[in-house]
Amino acid sequence: MYRADEPWEERTCSVCLAELADGEAVRVLMPCLHYFHPACVEWWLRKSATCPLCRALTVAAAAKGGQAAGAGRPS
């Protein structure tokens, strides 16, 4: 849950670019600890296995062998 009075680094969801509201539910990605609106990051993670902000491989993707969406396709 986002708390405006806590020292969060970001104050906006980097997927939709909307400001986070005090008391609003957020989803925190591991291992980078960036946070987003749950619906926004779920949409992103259906397309990519990385954090939309720093591109770190998410813990869930790492546990599956590091395969991001589209990975392994010939160039």
Protein backbone atom coordinates (compact mmCIF):
# COMPACT_ATOMS: atom_id res chain seq x y z
CA MET A 1 0.00 0.00 0.00
CA TYR A 2 1.37 3.38 -1.01
CA ARG A 3 1.85 5.91 1.78
CA ALA A 4 2.56 9.48 0.69
CA ASP A 5 4.26 10.26 4.02
CA GLU A 6 6.87 7.48 3.58
CA PRO A 7 10.13 8.10 1.70
CA TRP A 8 9.17 6.29 -1.55
CA GLU A 9 11.55 6.95 -4.41
CA GLU A 10 8.88 7.16 -7.10
CA ARG A 11 5.58 8.93 -6.70
CA THR A 12 4.11 7.79 -10.02
CA CYS A 13 3.40 4.48 -11.74
CA SER A 14 6.00 4.30 -14.52
CA VAL A 15 3.66 2.25 -16.72
CA CYS A 16 0.68 4.66 -16.86
CA LEU A 17 2.55 7.74 -15.52
CA ALA A 18 -0.28 8.58 -13.10
CA GLU A 19 0.52 9.75 -9.58
CA LEU A 20 0.07 7.21 -6.81
CA ALA A 21 -2.60 8.16 -4.29
CA ASP A 22 -2.14 7.86 -0.54
CA GLY A 23 -3.49 4.47 0.60
CA GLU A 24 -3.64 3.09 -2.94
CA ALA A 25 -2.71 -0.56 -3.52
CA VAL A 26 0.62 -1.06 -5.28
CA ARG A 27 2.48 -4.12 -6.50
CA VAL A 28 6.17 -4.34 -5.65
CA LEU A 29 8.42 -6.30 -8.00
CA MET A 30 11.31 -8.36 -6.73
CA PRO A 31 14.29 -8.07 -6.66
CA CYS A 32 14.36 -4.38 -7.67
CA LEU A 33 11.56 -3.24 -5.29
CA HIS A 34 9.97 -0.87 -7.82
CA TYR A 35 6.23 -0.44 -7.41
CA PHE A 36 3.32 0.11 -9.76
CA HIS A 37 -0.46 0.04 -9.96
CA PRO A 38 -1.31 -3.69 -9.86
CA ALA A 39 -3.33 -3.63 -13.11
CA CYS A 40 -0.61 -1.68 -14.94
CA VAL A 41 2.24 -3.99 -14.03
CA GLU A 42 0.15 -7.13 -14.63
CA TRP A 43 -0.50 -5.85 -18.17
CA TRP A 44 3.24 -5.21 -18.59
CA LEU A 45 4.27 -8.62 -17.20
CA ARG A 46 2.02 -10.42 -19.70
CA LYS A 47 4.30 -8.97 -22.39
CA SER A 48 7.68 -8.93 -20.62
CA ALA A 49 9.38 -10.70 -17.71
CA THR A 50 11.32 -7.62 -16.67
CA CYS A 51 10.64 -4.59 -14.51
CA PRO A 52 9.25 -1.78 -16.70
CA LEU A 53 11.45 0.76 -14.92
CA CYS A 54 14.90 -0.85 -14.65
CA ARG A 55 14.47 -3.97 -16.83
CA ALA A 56 15.63 -6.29 -14.03
CA LEU A 57 14.46 -9.86 -14.49
CA THR A 58 11.59 -10.50 -12.07
CA VAL A 59 11.88 -13.23 -9.44
CA ALA A 60 9.04 -15.20 -11.09
CA ALA A 61 10.83 -15.10 -14.46
CA ALA A 62 14.17 -16.06 -12.91
CA ALA A 63 12.52 -19.06 -11.24
CA LYS A 64 11.23 -20.18 -14.67
CA GLY A 65 14.71 -20.09 -16.17
CA GLY A 66 14.87 -16.46 -17.23
CA GLN A 67 12.65 -16.66 -20.29
CA ALA A 68 11.13 -13.28 -21.03
CA ALA A 69 8.19 -12.89 -23.37
CA GLY A 70 9.54 -13.28 -26.88
CA ALA A 71 12.88 -14.64 -25.68
CA GLY A 72 14.42 -17.33 -27.80
CA ARG A 73 12.93 -16.11 -31.08
CA PRO A 74 15.38 -15.90 -33.93
CA SER A 75 16.46 -12.37 -34.87
